[in-house]
Amino acid sequence: MSWTQGENLRALEVSLRPLTDAGWDAHMIAVELHSWMLTWRPARPAAYIRARLAQQSTAEHVAAELDVAEGWDAQEASRALGASRPELVLDVLEGLAAGMAAHSARQAELGLDDLTEADAAADMAAVLARGVPA
């Protein structure tokens, strides 16, 4: 990053240590710094990097604490998506088909018919007829 030019290499190394300790390589670090899209040049780039990384770390910590406080468990939430039970997938697809059919019917009642030739409900029915591979 051009805005880091002129900074002491040791100071940059220390400021980037959280990323290198996490296993980031030079390319990943460059992408991260570029994503900050600075249109100005910090007077002390290493200090700016330290402050920005600390701010990101704090935000991630707060988000994690909120997840814990709300009882959010990412593994539990995604367990149903594992499709270990094909009948669950079929139930979901049937629910989607019924919902799309009801929505299409309501849109037709309101005169807001689909502008395409595709029939989503028929497509979903075709998927359901084929079944889900085990």
N, C-alpha and C. Protein backbone atom coordinates (compact mmCIF):
# COMPACT_ATOMS: atom_id res chain seq x y z
N MET A 1 0.83 -1.16 0.00
CA MET A 1 0.00 0.00 0.00
C MET A 1 0.89 1.24 0.00
N SER A 2 0.58 2.12 -0.86
CA SER A 2 1.41 3.31 -0.97
C SER A 2 1.38 4.15 0.31
N TRP A 3 0.29 4.09 1.04
CA TRP A 3 0.20 4.91 2.25
C TRP A 3 1.06 4.37 3.40
N THR A 4 1.57 3.15 3.23
CA THR A 4 2.47 2.62 4.27
C THR A 4 3.94 2.92 3.96
N GLN A 5 4.20 3.42 2.74
CA GLN A 5 5.57 3.73 2.36
C GLN A 5 6.13 4.79 3.30
N GLY A 6 7.38 4.65 3.62
CA GLY A 6 8.03 5.62 4.49
C GLY A 6 7.94 5.25 5.96
N GLU A 7 7.06 4.30 6.30
CA GLU A 7 6.95 3.86 7.69
C GLU A 7 8.08 2.90 7.99
N ASN A 8 8.55 2.91 9.21
CA ASN A 8 9.58 2.00 9.68
C ASN A 8 9.07 0.57 9.56
N LEU A 9 9.87 -0.30 8.93
CA LEU A 9 9.44 -1.69 8.71
C LEU A 9 9.17 -2.43 10.02
N ARG A 10 9.95 -2.17 11.02
CA ARG A 10 9.75 -2.82 12.32
C ARG A 10 8.40 -2.39 12.91
N ALA A 11 8.07 -1.11 12.78
CA ALA A 11 6.79 -0.62 13.29
C ALA A 11 5.63 -1.27 12.53
N LEU A 12 5.78 -1.43 11.21
CA LEU A 12 4.74 -2.11 10.43
C LEU A 12 4.60 -3.57 10.85
N GLU A 13 5.74 -4.22 11.05
CA GLU A 13 5.72 -5.62 11.47
C GLU A 13 4.96 -5.78 12.78
N VAL A 14 5.24 -4.92 13.73
CA VAL A 14 4.58 -4.99 15.04
C VAL A 14 3.09 -4.71 14.89
N SER A 15 2.71 -3.73 14.08
CA SER A 15 1.30 -3.39 13.95
C SER A 15 0.52 -4.48 13.22
N LEU A 16 1.19 -5.22 12.35
CA LEU A 16 0.52 -6.28 11.58
C LEU A 16 0.62 -7.65 12.26
N ARG A 17 1.25 -7.69 13.42
CA ARG A 17 1.45 -8.97 14.11
C ARG A 17 0.14 -9.74 14.36
N PRO A 18 -0.98 -9.10 14.71
CA PRO A 18 -2.20 -9.89 14.90
C PRO A 18 -2.60 -10.67 13.64
N LEU A 19 -2.32 -10.10 12.47
CA LEU A 19 -2.66 -10.80 11.23
C LEU A 19 -1.66 -11.90 10.93
N THR A 20 -0.37 -11.62 11.11
CA THR A 20 0.63 -12.65 10.83
C THR A 20 0.53 -13.80 11.83
N ASP A 21 0.22 -13.47 13.09
CA ASP A 21 0.03 -14.52 14.10
C ASP A 21 -1.17 -15.41 13.76
N ALA A 22 -2.15 -14.82 13.06
CA ALA A 22 -3.34 -15.58 12.67
C ALA A 22 -3.09 -16.39 11.39
N GLY A 23 -1.86 -16.31 10.86
CA GLY A 23 -1.52 -17.12 9.69
C GLY A 23 -1.71 -16.42 8.36
N TRP A 24 -1.96 -15.13 8.39
CA TRP A 24 -2.15 -14.40 7.14
C TRP A 24 -0.80 -14.25 6.43
N ASP A 25 -0.83 -14.39 5.09
CA ASP A 25 0.39 -14.15 4.31
C ASP A 25 0.38 -12.71 3.78
N ALA A 26 1.46 -12.34 3.09
CA ALA A 26 1.60 -10.97 2.61
C ALA A 26 0.46 -10.57 1.68
N HIS A 27 0.03 -11.49 0.83
CA HIS A 27 -1.06 -11.18 -0.11
C HIS A 27 -2.37 -10.91 0.65
N MET A 28 -2.68 -11.74 1.62
CA MET A 28 -3.91 -11.55 2.39
C MET A 28 -3.88 -10.21 3.13
N ILE A 29 -2.72 -9.87 3.68
CA ILE A 29 -2.59 -8.60 4.40
C ILE A 29 -2.75 -7.43 3.44
N ALA A 30 -2.15 -7.53 2.26
CA ALA A 30 -2.27 -6.46 1.27
C ALA A 30 -3.73 -6.28 0.85
N VAL A 31 -4.44 -7.38 0.67
CA VAL A 31 -5.86 -7.29 0.31
C VAL A 31 -6.65 -6.60 1.41
N GLU A 32 -6.37 -6.95 2.66
CA GLU A 32 -7.06 -6.33 3.79
C GLU A 32 -6.79 -4.83 3.84
N LEU A 33 -5.52 -4.45 3.74
CA LEU A 33 -5.18 -3.03 3.80
C LEU A 33 -5.79 -2.27 2.63
N HIS A 34 -5.80 -2.90 1.46
CA HIS A 34 -6.41 -2.26 0.29
C HIS A 34 -7.92 -2.09 0.48
N SER A 35 -8.55 -3.05 1.15
CA SER A 35 -10.00 -2.98 1.35
C SER A 35 -10.42 -1.79 2.22
N TRP A 36 -9.47 -1.22 2.93
CA TRP A 36 -9.78 -0.06 3.76
C TRP A 36 -9.99 1.18 2.91
N MET A 37 -9.57 1.14 1.66
CA MET A 37 -9.78 2.20 0.66
C MET A 37 -9.49 3.60 1.21
N LEU A 38 -8.32 3.76 1.71
CA LEU A 38 -7.92 5.07 2.22
C LEU A 38 -7.67 6.02 1.06
N THR A 39 -8.25 7.19 1.15
CA THR A 39 -8.02 8.23 0.14
C THR A 39 -7.09 9.30 0.69
N TRP A 40 -6.53 9.03 1.84
CA TRP A 40 -5.62 9.96 2.50
C TRP A 40 -4.44 9.15 3.02
N ARG A 41 -3.39 9.83 3.40
CA ARG A 41 -2.19 9.16 3.89
C ARG A 41 -2.04 9.45 5.39
N PRO A 42 -2.19 8.40 6.23
CA PRO A 42 -2.00 8.61 7.66
C PRO A 42 -0.58 9.10 7.96
N ALA A 43 -0.48 10.00 8.91
CA ALA A 43 0.84 10.51 9.30
C ALA A 43 1.68 9.40 9.91
N ARG A 44 1.03 8.49 10.64
CA ARG A 44 1.72 7.37 11.28
C ARG A 44 1.00 6.08 10.90
N PRO A 45 1.33 5.50 9.73
CA PRO A 45 0.62 4.32 9.22
C PRO A 45 0.57 3.15 10.21
N ALA A 46 1.65 2.86 10.90
CA ALA A 46 1.66 1.73 11.84
C ALA A 46 0.66 1.96 12.97
N ALA A 47 0.63 3.17 13.49
CA ALA A 47 -0.32 3.49 14.56
C ALA A 47 -1.76 3.39 14.04
N TYR A 48 -1.98 3.84 12.80
CA TYR A 48 -3.31 3.75 12.22
C TYR A 48 -3.73 2.28 12.06
N ILE A 49 -2.82 1.45 11.57
CA ILE A 49 -3.12 0.02 11.40
C ILE A 49 -3.45 -0.60 12.75
N ARG A 50 -2.65 -0.33 13.78
CA ARG A 50 -2.92 -0.87 15.12
C ARG A 50 -4.31 -0.46 15.60
N ALA A 51 -4.64 0.82 15.44
CA ALA A 51 -5.94 1.32 15.90
C ALA A 51 -7.07 0.68 15.12
N ARG A 52 -6.91 0.55 13.82
CA ARG A 52 -7.97 -0.02 12.97
C ARG A 52 -8.18 -1.50 13.30
N LEU A 53 -7.10 -2.24 13.48
CA LEU A 53 -7.22 -3.67 13.82
C LEU A 53 -7.83 -3.84 15.21
N ALA A 54 -7.49 -2.96 16.15
CA ALA A 54 -8.08 -3.02 17.49
C ALA A 54 -9.58 -2.75 17.41
N GLN A 55 -9.96 -1.78 16.58
CA GLN A 55 -11.38 -1.45 16.41
C GLN A 55 -12.13 -2.65 15.83
N GLN A 56 -11.55 -3.31 14.81
CA GLN A 56 -12.19 -4.48 14.21
C GLN A 56 -12.30 -5.62 15.22
N SER A 57 -11.26 -5.82 16.00
CA SER A 57 -11.26 -6.88 17.00
C SER A 57 -12.35 -6.63 18.04
N THR A 58 -12.47 -5.38 18.47
CA THR A 58 -13.50 -5.02 19.45
C THR A 58 -14.89 -5.27 18.88
N ALA A 59 -15.11 -4.89 17.62
CA ALA A 59 -16.41 -5.09 16.99
C ALA A 59 -16.74 -6.58 16.88
N GLU A 60 -15.74 -7.40 16.53
CA GLU A 60 -15.96 -8.85 16.45
C GLU A 60 -16.26 -9.44 17.81
N HIS A 61 -15.57 -8.94 18.84
CA HIS A 61 -15.79 -9.42 20.20
C HIS A 61 -17.21 -9.07 20.67
N VAL A 62 -17.63 -7.86 20.40
CA VAL A 62 -18.98 -7.44 20.79
C VAL A 62 -20.03 -8.28 20.07
N ALA A 63 -19.82 -8.53 18.79
CA ALA A 63 -20.77 -9.35 18.03
C ALA A 63 -20.84 -10.76 18.59
N ALA A 64 -19.68 -11.32 18.95
CA ALA A 64 -19.65 -12.67 19.54
C ALA A 64 -20.38 -12.69 20.88
N GLU A 65 -20.19 -11.65 21.69
CA GLU A 65 -20.88 -11.58 22.98
C GLU A 65 -22.39 -11.49 22.79
N LEU A 66 -22.83 -10.73 21.79
CA LEU A 66 -24.26 -10.64 21.51
C LEU A 66 -24.83 -11.98 21.08
N ASP A 67 -24.06 -12.71 20.25
CA ASP A 67 -24.51 -14.04 19.83
C ASP A 67 -24.69 -14.95 21.02
N VAL A 68 -23.74 -14.92 21.95
CA VAL A 68 -23.81 -15.75 23.15
C VAL A 68 -25.00 -15.33 24.01
N ALA A 69 -25.18 -14.02 24.19
CA ALA A 69 -26.27 -13.51 25.02
C ALA A 69 -27.63 -13.89 24.45
N GLU A 70 -27.72 -13.94 23.12
CA GLU A 70 -28.99 -14.28 22.48
C GLU A 70 -29.16 -15.79 22.31
N GLY A 71 -28.14 -16.54 22.69
CA GLY A 71 -28.23 -17.99 22.56
C GLY A 71 -28.00 -18.49 21.15
N TRP A 72 -27.35 -17.70 20.30
CA TRP A 72 -27.12 -18.08 18.92
C TRP A 72 -25.99 -19.10 18.84
N ASP A 73 -26.25 -20.19 18.19
CA ASP A 73 -25.26 -21.23 17.97
C ASP A 73 -25.25 -21.54 16.48
N ALA A 74 -24.20 -21.14 15.79
CA ALA A 74 -24.12 -21.29 14.33
C ALA A 74 -24.23 -22.76 13.92
N GLN A 75 -23.61 -23.66 14.67
CA GLN A 75 -23.69 -25.08 14.32
C GLN A 75 -25.13 -25.59 14.46
N GLU A 76 -25.78 -25.20 15.54
CA GLU A 76 -27.16 -25.63 15.74
C GLU A 76 -28.07 -25.06 14.65
N ALA A 77 -27.85 -23.80 14.31
CA ALA A 77 -28.69 -23.15 13.30
C ALA A 77 -28.52 -23.78 11.92
N SER A 78 -27.33 -24.26 11.61
CA SER A 78 -27.09 -24.82 10.28
C SER A 78 -27.27 -26.32 10.23
N ARG A 79 -27.56 -26.93 11.36
CA ARG A 79 -27.70 -28.39 11.39
C ARG A 79 -28.79 -28.89 10.44
N ALA A 80 -29.92 -28.21 10.39
CA ALA A 80 -31.01 -28.65 9.52
C ALA A 80 -30.63 -28.58 8.05
N LEU A 81 -29.67 -27.73 7.72
CA LEU A 81 -29.25 -27.60 6.33
C LEU A 81 -28.33 -28.73 5.90
N GLY A 82 -27.92 -29.55 6.83
CA GLY A 82 -27.04 -30.67 6.50
C GLY A 82 -27.74 -31.74 5.70
N ALA A 83 -29.03 -31.73 5.64
CA ALA A 83 -29.84 -32.67 4.87
C ALA A 83 -29.53 -34.11 5.22
N SER A 84 -29.33 -34.37 6.52
CA SER A 84 -29.10 -35.74 6.93
C SER A 84 -30.40 -36.54 6.87
N ARG A 85 -31.50 -35.79 6.78
CA ARG A 85 -32.81 -36.44 6.68
C ARG A 85 -33.47 -35.97 5.38
N PRO A 86 -33.44 -36.80 4.33
CA PRO A 86 -34.03 -36.39 3.04
C PRO A 86 -35.49 -35.99 3.16
N GLU A 87 -36.23 -36.60 4.09
CA GLU A 87 -37.65 -36.24 4.23
C GLU A 87 -37.81 -34.79 4.69
N LEU A 88 -36.85 -34.30 5.46
CA LEU A 88 -36.88 -32.90 5.88
C LEU A 88 -36.74 -31.98 4.68
N VAL A 89 -35.82 -32.34 3.77
CA VAL A 89 -35.63 -31.54 2.56
C VAL A 89 -36.91 -31.55 1.73
N LEU A 90 -37.52 -32.72 1.61
CA LEU A 90 -38.78 -32.80 0.85
C LEU A 90 -39.87 -31.95 1.50
N ASP A 91 -39.96 -31.99 2.82
CA ASP A 91 -40.94 -31.16 3.52
C ASP A 91 -40.72 -29.68 3.25
N VAL A 92 -39.46 -29.27 3.27
CA VAL A 92 -39.14 -27.86 3.00
C VAL A 92 -39.51 -27.51 1.56
N LEU A 93 -39.15 -28.37 0.61
CA LEU A 93 -39.48 -28.11 -0.79
C LEU A 93 -40.98 -28.06 -1.02
N GLU A 94 -41.71 -28.96 -0.38
CA GLU A 94 -43.17 -28.94 -0.52
C GLU A 94 -43.75 -27.66 0.06
N GLY A 95 -43.20 -27.21 1.19
CA GLY A 95 -43.65 -25.95 1.77
C GLY A 95 -43.36 -24.78 0.85
N LEU A 96 -42.19 -24.79 0.24
CA LEU A 96 -41.86 -23.73 -0.72
C LEU A 96 -42.80 -23.76 -1.92
N ALA A 97 -43.08 -24.96 -2.43
CA ALA A 97 -43.98 -25.08 -3.58
C ALA A 97 -45.37 -24.54 -3.23
N ALA A 98 -45.88 -24.90 -2.05
CA ALA A 98 -47.19 -24.42 -1.63
C ALA A 98 -47.18 -22.90 -1.46
N GLY A 99 -46.11 -22.38 -0.87
CA GLY A 99 -46.00 -20.94 -0.68
C GLY A 99 -45.93 -20.20 -2.00
N MET A 100 -45.15 -20.72 -2.95
CA MET A 100 -45.06 -20.07 -4.26
C MET A 100 -46.38 -20.12 -5.01
N ALA A 101 -47.08 -21.25 -4.90
CA ALA A 101 -48.38 -21.37 -5.56
C ALA A 101 -49.37 -20.37 -4.97
N ALA A 102 -49.38 -20.25 -3.64
CA ALA A 102 -50.27 -19.29 -2.98
C ALA A 102 -49.91 -17.87 -3.37
N HIS A 103 -48.63 -17.58 -3.43
CA HIS A 103 -48.20 -16.24 -3.82
C HIS A 103 -48.60 -15.93 -5.25
N SER A 104 -48.38 -16.88 -6.16
CA SER A 104 -48.76 -16.69 -7.56
C SER A 104 -50.25 -16.46 -7.70
N ALA A 105 -51.04 -17.24 -6.94
CA ALA A 105 -52.49 -17.07 -7.00
C ALA A 105 -52.89 -15.69 -6.49
N ARG A 106 -52.28 -15.25 -5.42
CA ARG A 106 -52.58 -13.92 -4.86
C ARG A 106 -52.18 -12.82 -5.85
N GLN A 107 -51.03 -12.98 -6.49
CA GLN A 107 -50.59 -11.99 -7.48
C GLN A 107 -51.57 -11.94 -8.65
N ALA A 108 -52.06 -13.11 -9.07
CA ALA A 108 -53.03 -13.15 -10.17
C ALA A 108 -54.33 -12.45 -9.78
N GLU A 109 -54.77 -12.65 -8.52
CA GLU A 109 -55.98 -11.97 -8.04
C GLU A 109 -55.81 -10.45 -8.08
N LEU A 110 -54.62 -10.00 -7.80
CA LEU A 110 -54.34 -8.56 -7.79
C LEU A 110 -54.01 -8.02 -9.18
N GLY A 111 -54.00 -8.91 -10.19
CA GLY A 111 -53.66 -8.48 -11.53
C GLY A 111 -52.17 -8.26 -11.73
N LEU A 112 -51.40 -8.85 -10.87
CA LEU A 112 -49.94 -8.69 -10.95
C LEU A 112 -49.30 -10.00 -11.37
N ASP A 113 -49.80 -10.57 -12.46
CA ASP A 113 -49.28 -11.85 -12.94
C ASP A 113 -47.80 -11.74 -13.27
N ASP A 114 -47.12 -12.88 -13.19
CA ASP A 114 -45.72 -12.92 -13.58
C ASP A 114 -45.57 -12.47 -15.03
N LEU A 115 -44.48 -11.79 -15.30
CA LEU A 115 -44.22 -11.32 -16.65
C LEU A 115 -43.41 -12.33 -17.45
N THR A 116 -43.07 -13.44 -16.84
CA THR A 116 -42.27 -14.46 -17.53
C THR A 116 -43.17 -15.63 -17.89
N GLU A 117 -42.62 -16.48 -18.71
CA GLU A 117 -43.32 -17.71 -19.10
C GLU A 117 -43.06 -18.82 -18.10
N ALA A 118 -42.13 -18.62 -17.19
CA ALA A 118 -41.76 -19.66 -16.24
C ALA A 118 -42.85 -19.83 -15.19
N ASP A 119 -43.09 -21.05 -14.81
CA ASP A 119 -44.07 -21.36 -13.78
C ASP A 119 -43.29 -21.96 -12.61
N ALA A 120 -43.02 -21.14 -11.59
CA ALA A 120 -42.19 -21.58 -10.47
C ALA A 120 -42.82 -22.76 -9.75
N ALA A 121 -44.13 -22.75 -9.58
CA ALA A 121 -44.80 -23.84 -8.87
C ALA A 121 -44.63 -25.14 -9.65
N ALA A 122 -44.74 -25.09 -10.98
CA ALA A 122 -44.58 -26.29 -11.80
C ALA A 122 -43.14 -26.78 -11.73
N ASP A 123 -42.20 -25.84 -11.72
CA ASP A 123 -40.80 -26.23 -11.61
C ASP A 123 -40.54 -26.94 -10.29
N MET A 124 -41.11 -26.41 -9.20
CA MET A 124 -40.92 -27.02 -7.89
C MET A 124 -41.59 -28.40 -7.85
N ALA A 125 -42.76 -28.52 -8.47
CA ALA A 125 -43.43 -29.82 -8.51
C ALA A 125 -42.58 -30.85 -9.25
N ALA A 126 -41.90 -30.41 -10.32
CA ALA A 126 -41.02 -31.31 -11.07
C ALA A 126 -39.85 -31.77 -10.20
N VAL A 127 -39.31 -30.88 -9.39
CA VAL A 127 -38.21 -31.25 -8.48
C VAL A 127 -38.72 -32.25 -7.47
N LEU A 128 -39.90 -32.00 -6.92
CA LEU A 128 -40.46 -32.91 -5.91
C LEU A 128 -40.73 -34.28 -6.51
N ALA A 129 -41.15 -34.33 -7.78
CA ALA A 129 -41.45 -35.61 -8.43
C ALA A 129 -40.18 -36.44 -8.58
N ARG A 130 -39.05 -35.78 -8.79
CA ARG A 130 -37.79 -36.51 -8.94
C ARG A 130 -37.28 -37.01 -7.61
N GLY A 131 -37.63 -36.33 -6.53
CA GLY A 131 -37.16 -36.73 -5.22
C GLY A 131 -35.78 -36.17 -4.93
N VAL A 132 -35.30 -36.46 -3.76
CA VAL A 132 -33.98 -36.00 -3.33
C VAL A 132 -33.08 -37.20 -3.21
N PRO A 133 -31.90 -37.13 -3.83
CA PRO A 133 -30.97 -38.28 -3.71
C PRO A 133 -30.54 -38.50 -2.26
N ALA A 134 -30.42 -39.72 -1.89
CA ALA A 134 -30.04 -40.05 -0.51
C ALA A 134 -28.57 -40.01 -0.30
